[in-house]
C-alpha atoms as a PDB file:
ATOM      1  CA  MET A   1      28.806  -2.997  10.571  1.00  0.00           C
ATOM      2  CA  LYS A   2      28.158  -2.195   6.880  1.00  0.00           C
ATOM      3  CA  TYR A   3      26.149   0.879   5.901  1.00  0.00           C
ATOM      4  CA  ASN A   4      23.300  -1.384   4.554  1.00  0.00           C
ATOM      5  CA  GLU A   5      23.045  -3.321   7.811  1.00  0.00           C
ATOM      6  CA  ILE A   6      21.110  -2.424  10.936  1.00  0.00           C
ATOM      7  CA  SER A   7      20.375  -3.785  14.403  1.00  0.00           C
ATOM      8  CA  HIS A   8      16.708  -3.885  15.329  1.00  0.00           C
ATOM      9  CA  PHE A   9      15.020  -4.342  18.691  1.00  0.00           C
ATOM     10  CA  SER A  10      12.450  -6.765  17.154  1.00  0.00           C
ATOM     11  CA  HIS A  11      15.211  -9.123  16.048  1.00  0.00           C
ATOM     12  CA  PRO A  12      18.209  -8.855  18.334  1.00  0.00           C
ATOM     13  CA  GLN A  13      19.660 -12.260  17.258  1.00  0.00           C
ATOM     14  CA  HIS A  14      21.117 -11.012  14.007  1.00  0.00           C
ATOM     15  CA  THR A  15      21.659  -7.850  12.052  1.00  0.00           C
ATOM     16  CA  LEU A  16      19.293  -7.025   9.207  1.00  0.00           C
ATOM     17  CA  THR A  17      20.552  -6.404   5.687  1.00  0.00           C
ATOM     18  CA  LEU A  18      18.971  -4.104   3.111  1.00  0.00           C
ATOM     19  CA  ASP A  19      17.566  -6.294   0.400  1.00  0.00           C
ATOM     20  CA  TYR A  20      15.315  -6.027  -2.643  1.00  0.00           C
ATOM     21  CA  THR A  21      12.834  -8.523  -3.864  1.00  0.00           C
ATOM     22  CA  GLU A  22      10.115  -8.830  -6.500  1.00  0.00           C
ATOM     23  CA  THR A  23       8.613 -11.641  -4.472  1.00  0.00           C
ATOM     24  CA  PRO A  24       6.074 -10.492  -1.916  1.00  0.00           C
ATOM     25  CA  PHE A  25       6.886 -10.931   1.817  1.00  0.00           C
ATOM     26  CA  LYS A  26       5.003 -10.534   5.015  1.00  0.00           C
ATOM     27  CA  CYS A  27       6.578  -7.836   7.243  1.00  0.00           C
ATOM     28  CA  ASP A  28       7.323  -9.265  10.664  1.00  0.00           C
ATOM     29  CA  GLY A  29       6.848  -5.764  12.177  1.00  0.00           C
ATOM     30  CA  CYS A  30       3.484  -4.551  11.076  1.00  0.00           C
ATOM     31  CA  LYS A  31       2.303  -7.946   9.803  1.00  0.00           C
ATOM     32  CA  GLU A  32       1.315  -6.520   6.400  1.00  0.00           C
ATOM     33  CA  VAL A  33       2.421  -7.584   2.899  1.00  0.00           C
ATOM     34  CA  GLY A  34       5.452  -5.849   1.378  1.00  0.00           C
ATOM     35  CA  ILE A  35       7.556  -5.860  -1.799  1.00  0.00           C
ATOM     36  CA  GLY A  36      10.721  -4.232  -3.131  1.00  0.00           C
ATOM     37  CA  SER A  37      13.252  -2.657  -0.747  1.00  0.00           C
ATOM     38  CA  HIS A  38      13.229  -4.014   2.843  1.00  0.00           C
ATOM     39  CA  TYR A  39      15.511  -5.200   5.620  1.00  0.00           C
ATOM     40  CA  ARG A  40      15.940  -8.965   5.966  1.00  0.00           C
ATOM     41  CA  CYS A  41      17.598 -11.573   8.105  1.00  0.00           C
ATOM     42  CA  SER A  42      18.227 -14.541   5.783  1.00  0.00           C
ATOM     43  CA  PHE A  43      19.054 -16.851   8.691  1.00  0.00           C
ATOM     44  CA  CYS A  44      15.628 -16.482  10.172  1.00  0.00           C
ATOM     45  CA  ASP A  45      13.457 -15.540   7.234  1.00  0.00           C
ATOM     46  CA  PHE A  46      12.670 -12.289   9.025  1.00  0.00           C
ATOM     47  CA  ASP A  47      11.614  -9.248   6.998  1.00  0.00           C
ATOM     48  CA  LEU A  48      10.770  -5.610   7.746  1.00  0.00           C
ATOM     49  CA  HIS A  49       9.477  -2.836   5.564  1.00  0.00           C
ATOM     50  CA  THR A  50      11.953  -0.030   5.457  1.00  0.00           C
ATOM     51  CA  HIS A  51       9.398   2.088   7.250  1.00  0.00           C
ATOM     52  CA  CYS A  52       9.146  -0.516  10.039  1.00  0.00           C
ATOM     53  CA  ALA A  53      12.857  -1.077  10.199  1.00  0.00           C
ATOM     54  CA  ILE A  54      13.738   2.539  10.729  1.00  0.00           C
ATOM     55  CA  PRO A  55      10.626   4.099  12.340  1.00  0.00           C
ATOM     56  CA  SER A  56      10.353   7.631  13.713  1.00  0.00           C
ATOM     57  CA  LEU A  57       9.593   7.842  17.401  1.00  0.00           C
ATOM     58  CA  SER A  58       6.819  10.307  16.676  1.00  0.00           C
ATOM     59  CA  ILE A  59       5.263  11.776  13.531  1.00  0.00           C
ATOM     60  CA  HIS A  60       2.697  14.372  12.497  1.00  0.00           C
ATOM     61  CA  HIS A  61       0.448  13.872   9.490  1.00  0.00           C
ATOM     62  CA  PRO A  62      -1.103  16.682   7.356  1.00  0.00           C
ATOM     63  CA  PHE A  63      -4.533  14.971   7.528  1.00  0.00           C
ATOM     64  CA  TYR A  64      -4.549  15.209  11.330  1.00  0.00           C
ATOM     65  CA  THR A  65      -3.028  18.537  12.194  1.00  0.00           C
ATOM     66  CA  LYS A  66      -3.934  18.388  15.901  1.00  0.00           C
ATOM     67  CA  CYS A  67      -2.550  14.839  16.428  1.00  0.00           C
ATOM     68  CA  SER A  68       0.868  13.553  17.469  1.00  0.00           C
ATOM     69  CA  PHE A  69       1.415   9.954  16.528  1.00  0.00           C
ATOM     70  CA  GLN A  70       3.773   7.794  18.643  1.00  0.00           C
ATOM     71  CA  PHE A  71       5.436   4.672  17.467  1.00  0.00           C
ATOM     72  CA  PHE A  72       4.302   1.425  19.206  1.00  0.00           C
ATOM     73  CA  SER A  73       5.710  -2.072  18.616  1.00  0.00           C
ATOM     74  CA  ARG A  74       2.278  -3.459  19.380  1.00  0.00           C
ATOM     75  CA  PRO A  75      -1.287  -2.073  19.390  1.00  0.00           C
ATOM     76  CA  PRO A  76      -1.954  -0.238  22.626  1.00  0.00           C
ATOM     77  CA  GLY A  77      -4.797  -1.290  24.918  1.00  0.00           C
ATOM     78  CA  ASN A  78      -6.815  -4.502  24.967  1.00  0.00           C
ATOM     79  CA  THR A  79      -9.390  -3.636  22.243  1.00  0.00           C
ATOM     80  CA  PRO A  80      -9.049  -4.390  18.505  1.00  0.00           C
ATOM     81  CA  ARG A  81      -7.692  -1.515  16.527  1.00  0.00           C
ATOM     82  CA  TYR A  82      -7.750  -0.579  12.827  1.00  0.00           C
ATOM     83  CA  CYS A  83      -5.809   1.740  10.608  1.00  0.00           C
ATOM     84  CA  ASN A  84      -7.581   4.981   9.841  1.00  0.00           C
ATOM     85  CA  ALA A  85      -5.912   5.133   6.395  1.00  0.00           C
ATOM     86  CA  CYS A  86      -6.707   1.661   4.975  1.00  0.00           C
ATOM     87  CA  GLU A  87      -9.335   0.419   7.500  1.00  0.00           C
ATOM     88  CA  LYS A  88      -7.428  -2.800   7.946  1.00  0.00           C
ATOM     89  CA  ASP A  89      -6.773  -4.343  11.379  1.00  0.00           C
ATOM     90  CA  VAL A  90      -3.632  -3.283  13.285  1.00  0.00           C
ATOM     91  CA  THR A  91      -1.839  -6.354  14.622  1.00  0.00           C
ATOM     92  CA  GLY A  92       1.831  -5.201  14.859  1.00  0.00           C
ATOM     93  CA  PHE A  93       3.863  -1.958  14.608  1.00  0.00           C
ATOM     94  CA  VAL A  94       1.679   1.074  14.572  1.00  0.00           C
ATOM     95  CA  TYR A  95       1.686   4.809  14.926  1.00  0.00           C
ATOM     96  CA  HIS A  96      -0.927   5.806  17.547  1.00  0.00           C
ATOM     97  CA  CYS A  97      -2.259   9.118  18.734  1.00  0.00           C
ATOM     98  CA  LYS A  98      -3.160   8.936  22.374  1.00  0.00           C
ATOM     99  CA  SER A  99      -5.353  12.023  22.392  1.00  0.00           C
ATOM    100  CA  CYS A 100      -7.654  11.106  19.539  1.00  0.00           C
ATOM    101  CA  GLY A 101      -7.184   7.331  19.310  1.00  0.00           C
ATOM    102  CA  PHE A 102      -6.275   7.286  15.652  1.00  0.00           C
ATOM    103  CA  ASP A 103      -3.956   4.506  14.374  1.00  0.00           C
ATOM    104  CA  LEU A 104      -1.824   4.273  11.239  1.00  0.00           C
ATOM    105  CA  HIS A 105       0.172   1.388   9.779  1.00  0.00           C
ATOM    106  CA  PRO A 106       3.809   2.563   9.289  1.00  0.00           C
ATOM    107  CA  CYS A 107       3.502   2.227   5.518  1.00  0.00           C
ATOM    108  CA  CYS A 108       0.173   4.051   5.536  1.00  0.00           C
ATOM    109  CA  ALA A 109       1.608   6.807   7.688  1.00  0.00           C
ATOM    110  CA  LYS A 110       4.391   7.303   5.169  1.00  0.00           C
ATOM    111  CA  LEU A 111       2.241   7.195   2.022  1.00  0.00           C
ATOM    112  CA  PRO A 112       3.488   9.845  -0.368  1.00  0.00           C
ATOM    113  CA  MET A 113       1.047  12.752  -0.784  1.00  0.00           C
ATOM    114  CA  VAL A 114       1.742  12.776  -4.513  1.00  0.00           C
ATOM    115  CA  LEU A 115       2.551   9.903  -6.882  1.00  0.00           C
ATOM    116  CA  ASP A 116       3.763  10.517 -10.386  1.00  0.00           C
ATOM    117  CA  ASP A 117       2.724   7.681 -12.696  1.00  0.00           C
ATOM    118  CA  GLY A 118       4.470   9.109 -15.694  1.00  0.00           C
ATOM    119  CA  GLU A 119       1.257  10.435 -17.273  1.00  0.00           C
ATOM    120  CA  THR A 120      -0.653  12.171 -14.522  1.00  0.00           C
ATOM    121  CA  ASN A 121      -0.051  12.948 -10.844  1.00  0.00           C
ATOM    122  CA  LEU A 122      -2.001  11.000  -8.229  1.00  0.00           C
ATOM    123  CA  TYR A 123      -2.812  13.001  -5.060  1.00  0.00           C
ATOM    124  CA  LEU A 124      -3.628  11.452  -1.617  1.00  0.00           C
ATOM    125  CA  TYR A 125      -6.931  12.672  -0.042  1.00  0.00           C
ATOM    126  CA  ARG A 126      -8.395  11.856   3.272  1.00  0.00           C
ATOM    127  CA  LYS A 127     -11.835  11.553   1.601  1.00  0.00           C
ATOM    128  CA  VAL A 128     -13.075  11.827  -1.935  1.00  0.00           C
ATOM    129  CA  ARG A 129     -16.663  12.238  -2.951  1.00  0.00           C
ATOM    130  CA  ALA A 130     -16.129  10.594  -6.340  1.00  0.00           C
ATOM    131  CA  PRO A 131     -16.650   6.842  -6.539  1.00  0.00           C
ATOM    132  CA  CYS A 132     -13.775   4.459  -6.329  1.00  0.00           C
ATOM    133  CA  HIS A 133     -12.950   2.639  -9.532  1.00  0.00           C
ATOM    134  CA  LYS A 134     -12.612  -0.617  -7.690  1.00  0.00           C
ATOM    135  CA  CYS A 135     -15.582  -0.726  -5.335  1.00  0.00           C
ATOM    136  CA  GLY A 136     -17.802   2.041  -6.830  1.00  0.00           C
ATOM    137  CA  ARG A 137     -18.450   3.608  -3.476  1.00  0.00           C
ATOM    138  CA  LYS A 138     -17.802   7.179  -2.361  1.00  0.00           C
ATOM    139  CA  GLY A 139     -16.020   8.391   0.817  1.00  0.00           C
ATOM    140  CA  ARG A 140     -14.669   5.561   2.920  1.00  0.00           C
ATOM    141  CA  SER A 141     -10.902   5.496   3.415  1.00  0.00           C
ATOM    142  CA  TRP A 142      -8.014   7.607   2.170  1.00  0.00           C
ATOM    143  CA  SER A 143      -7.866   7.733  -1.615  1.00  0.00           C
ATOM    144  CA  TYR A 144      -5.548   8.476  -4.399  1.00  0.00           C
ATOM    145  CA  ARG A 145      -7.051  10.646  -7.089  1.00  0.00           C
ATOM    146  CA  SER A 146      -5.550  11.681 -10.439  1.00  0.00           C
ATOM    147  CA  SER A 147      -5.034  15.350 -11.274  1.00  0.00           C
ATOM    148  CA  CYS A 148      -7.462  14.805 -14.134  1.00  0.00           C
ATOM    149  CA  LYS A 149     -10.018  13.559 -11.602  1.00  0.00           C
ATOM    150  CA  GLU A 150     -10.830  10.453 -13.755  1.00  0.00           C
ATOM    151  CA  TYR A 151      -9.096   7.904 -11.539  1.00  0.00           C
ATOM    152  CA  ASN A 152      -9.899   7.354  -7.858  1.00  0.00           C
ATOM    153  CA  LEU A 153      -8.776   4.394  -5.749  1.00  0.00           C
ATOM    154  CA  HIS A 154      -9.367   3.820  -2.035  1.00  0.00           C
ATOM    155  CA  VAL A 155      -6.314   2.765  -0.038  1.00  0.00           C
ATOM    156  CA  ALA A 156      -8.752   0.380   1.726  1.00  0.00           C
ATOM    157  CA  CYS A 157      -9.672  -1.293  -1.622  1.00  0.00           C
ATOM    158  CA  VAL A 158      -5.967  -1.726  -2.457  1.00  0.00           C
ATOM    159  CA  ARG A 159      -5.411  -3.299   0.980  1.00  0.00           C
ATOM    160  CA  GLU A 160      -8.402  -5.606   0.399  1.00  0.00           C
ATOM    161  CA  MET A 161      -6.995  -6.710  -2.947  1.00  0.00           C
ATOM    162  CA  LEU A 162      -3.703  -7.522  -1.228  1.00  0.00           C
ATOM    163  CA  VAL A 163      -5.484  -9.631   1.448  1.00  0.00           C
ATOM    164  CA  GLU A 164      -7.811 -11.393  -1.023  1.00  0.00           C
ATOM    165  CA  ASN A 165      -4.992 -12.312  -3.373  1.00  0.00           C
ATOM    166  CA  TRP A 166      -2.267 -12.943  -0.750  1.00  0.00           C
ATOM    167  CA  HIS A 167      -2.194 -16.750  -1.108  1.00  0.00           C
ATOM    168  CA  GLU A 168      -2.150 -16.524  -4.923  1.00  0.00           C
ATOM    169  CA  LEU A 169       0.432 -13.733  -4.869  1.00  0.00           C
ATOM    170  CA  TYR A 170       2.731 -15.461  -2.389  1.00  0.00           C
ATOM    171  CA  PHE A 171       2.510 -19.097  -3.622  1.00  0.00           C
ATOM    172  CA  GLY A 172       1.591 -18.512  -7.307  1.00  0.00           C
ATOM    173  CA  TYR A 173       4.274 -16.003  -8.341  1.00  0.00           C
ATOM    174  CA  GLY A 174       6.134 -17.241 -11.390  1.00  0.00           C
ATOM    175  CA  LYS A 175       3.594 -19.836 -12.269  1.00  0.00           C
ATOM    176  CA  GLY A 176       2.109 -18.254 -15.333  1.00  0.00           C
ATOM    177  CA  ILE A 177      -0.216 -15.781 -13.591  1.00  0.00           C
ATOM    178  CA  LYS A 178      -1.445 -13.221 -16.097  1.00  0.00           C
ATOM    179  CA  LYS A 179      -0.229  -9.693 -16.019  1.00  0.00           C
ATOM    180  CA  LEU A 180      -2.304  -6.725 -14.921  1.00  0.00           C
ATOM    181  CA  GLU A 181      -3.278  -5.535 -18.408  1.00  0.00           C
ATOM    182  CA  ASN A 182      -5.092  -8.861 -18.923  1.00  0.00           C
ATOM    183  CA  ARG A 183      -6.617  -8.951 -15.468  1.00  0.00           C
ATOM    184  CA  ILE A 184      -8.619  -5.762 -15.025  1.00  0.00           C
ATOM    185  CA  PRO A 185     -12.086  -6.729 -16.277  1.00  0.00           C
ATOM    186  CA  SER A 186     -13.849  -5.261 -13.203  1.00  0.00           C
ATOM    187  CA  LEU A 187     -11.911  -2.027 -13.488  1.00  0.00           C
ATOM    188  CA  LYS A 188     -12.563  -1.884 -17.252  1.00  0.00           C
ATOM    189  CA  ASP A 189     -16.278  -2.374 -16.822  1.00  0.00           C
ATOM    190  CA  THR A 190     -16.480   0.253 -14.137  1.00  0.00           C
ATOM    191  CA  LEU A 191     -14.807   2.790 -16.464  1.00  0.00           C
ATOM    192  CA  GLN A 192     -16.870   1.961 -19.497  1.00  0.00           C
ATOM    193  CA  THR A 193     -20.196   2.901 -17.821  1.00  0.00           C
ATOM    194  CA  PRO A 194     -19.613   6.493 -16.788  1.00  0.00           C
ATOM    195  CA  HIS A 195     -17.383   7.451 -19.744  1.00  0.00           C
ATOM    196  CA  LYS A 196     -19.254   7.666 -23.044  1.00  0.00           C
ATOM    197  CA  ARG A 197     -16.270   7.634 -25.370  1.00  0.00           C
ATOM    198  CA  ARG A 198     -15.113   6.000 -28.507  1.00  0.00           C
ATOM    199  CA  LYS A 199     -13.708   2.515 -28.075  1.00  0.00           C
ATOM    200  CA  GLY A 200     -10.087   3.631 -28.458  1.00  0.00           C
ATOM    201  CA  LYS A 201     -10.462   6.324 -25.761  1.00  0.00           C
ATOM    202  CA  VAL A 202     -12.110   3.867 -23.371  1.00  0.00           C
ATOM    203  CA  LYS A 203      -9.204   1.488 -23.879  1.00  0.00           C
ATOM    204  CA  LYS A 204      -6.687   4.243 -23.175  1.00  0.00           C
ATOM    205  CA  CYS A 205      -8.670   5.265 -20.068  1.00  0.00           C
ATOM    206  CA  CYS A 206      -8.502   1.711 -18.761  1.00  0.00           C
ATOM    207  CA  GLU A 207      -4.749   1.447 -19.440  1.00  0.00           C
ATOM    208  CA  MET A 208      -4.240   4.681 -17.577  1.00  0.00           C
ATOM    209  CA  ALA A 209      -6.313   3.473 -14.591  1.00  0.00           C
ATOM    210  CA  GLY A 210      -4.297   0.208 -14.564  1.00  0.00           C
ATOM    211  CA  LEU A 211      -1.037   2.149 -14.502  1.00  0.00           C
ATOM    212  CA  ALA A 212      -2.344   4.380 -11.729  1.00  0.00           C
ATOM    213  CA  LEU A 213      -3.364   1.284  -9.744  1.00  0.00           C
ATOM    214  CA  GLN A 214       0.131  -0.186 -10.026  1.00  0.00           C
ATOM    215  CA  PHE A 215       1.730   2.942  -8.622  1.00  0.00           C
ATOM    216  CA  VAL A 216      -0.803   3.062  -5.757  1.00  0.00           C
ATOM    217  CA  ILE A 217      -0.117  -0.629  -4.877  1.00  0.00           C
ATOM    218  CA  SER A 218       3.661   0.021  -4.906  1.00  0.00           C
ATOM    219  CA  ALA A 219       3.132   2.817  -2.379  1.00  0.00           C
ATOM    220  CA  VAL A 220       0.851   0.728  -0.137  1.00  0.00           C
ATOM    221  CA  LEU A 221       3.316  -2.154  -0.257  1.00  0.00           C
ATOM    222  CA  GLY A 222       5.947   0.105   1.206  1.00  0.00           C
ATOM    223  CA  ASP A 223       8.152   0.896  -1.803  1.00  0.00           C
ATOM    224  CA  PRO A 224       6.652   3.806  -3.734  1.00  0.00           C
ATOM    225  CA  THR A 225       9.959   4.383  -5.558  1.00  0.00           C
ATOM    226  CA  SER A 226       9.687   1.229  -7.622  1.00  0.00           C
ATOM    227  CA  LEU A 227       7.124  -0.152 -10.041  1.00  0.00           C
ATOM    228  CA  ILE A 228       7.283  -3.915  -9.988  1.00  0.00           C
ATOM    229  CA  ALA A 229       4.841  -4.685 -12.813  1.00  0.00           C
ATOM    230  CA  GLY A 230       5.554  -8.404 -13.017  1.00  0.00           C
ATOM    231  CA  VAL A 231       4.314  -9.069  -9.495  1.00  0.00           C
ATOM    232  CA  ILE A 232       1.777  -6.312  -9.158  1.00  0.00           C
ATOM    233  CA  GLY A 233       0.127  -7.669 -12.283  1.00  0.00           C
ATOM    234  CA  THR A 234      -1.167 -10.598 -10.173  1.00  0.00           C
ATOM    235  CA  LEU A 235      -3.223  -8.423  -7.849  1.00  0.00           C
ATOM    236  CA  MET A 236      -6.485  -8.021  -9.755  1.00  0.00           C
ATOM    237  CA  SER A 237      -8.807 -10.701 -10.971  1.00  0.00           C
END
């Protein structure tokens, strides 16, 4: 077997090969959208995030110091479950803490605590009192906040964007969809109101927020090491 091939319990028919794509895919493990590096069976059109393909049996997370999360191939119990990071339903692979009942999608569980967008660091927080630049609300889910404290994005809002735009993202890629810099009117309007600045500074602020958003989306999609601007540019309307 080659170093970039693995056998996986969820797909015993064939080995999975490490692949890279700028076309979004649906992970057959956690059932969430993915992009970039992943493991794939080309015979069966079967894909897994790298976090889902090579999971840890158990993990600890700095946000839940008293919890021990165990890996499950399906949600435990008979009641609907949701991810405590992004607030989206859990329908496939999951990390679950039996003592507290918390759940984390594999990609959410492995979200980097710090993202470097080239201009300013983005730090992951369990809760932020500042409003999110997408929904305008405070609190809610985990958030990425910039070191300058001007950009704040809920992980839940990024997940919602992925769900809302999934059909367009999956079926419309490569069909002339505008890039991110031309598709952030709601983000731009949100930033213009609280920041009383000259026009040039407002434009720069919006560009920075757009870049920060792209890095957060890359992380949520399961590949924080790559910035796939061409595809990520389709995610906001």
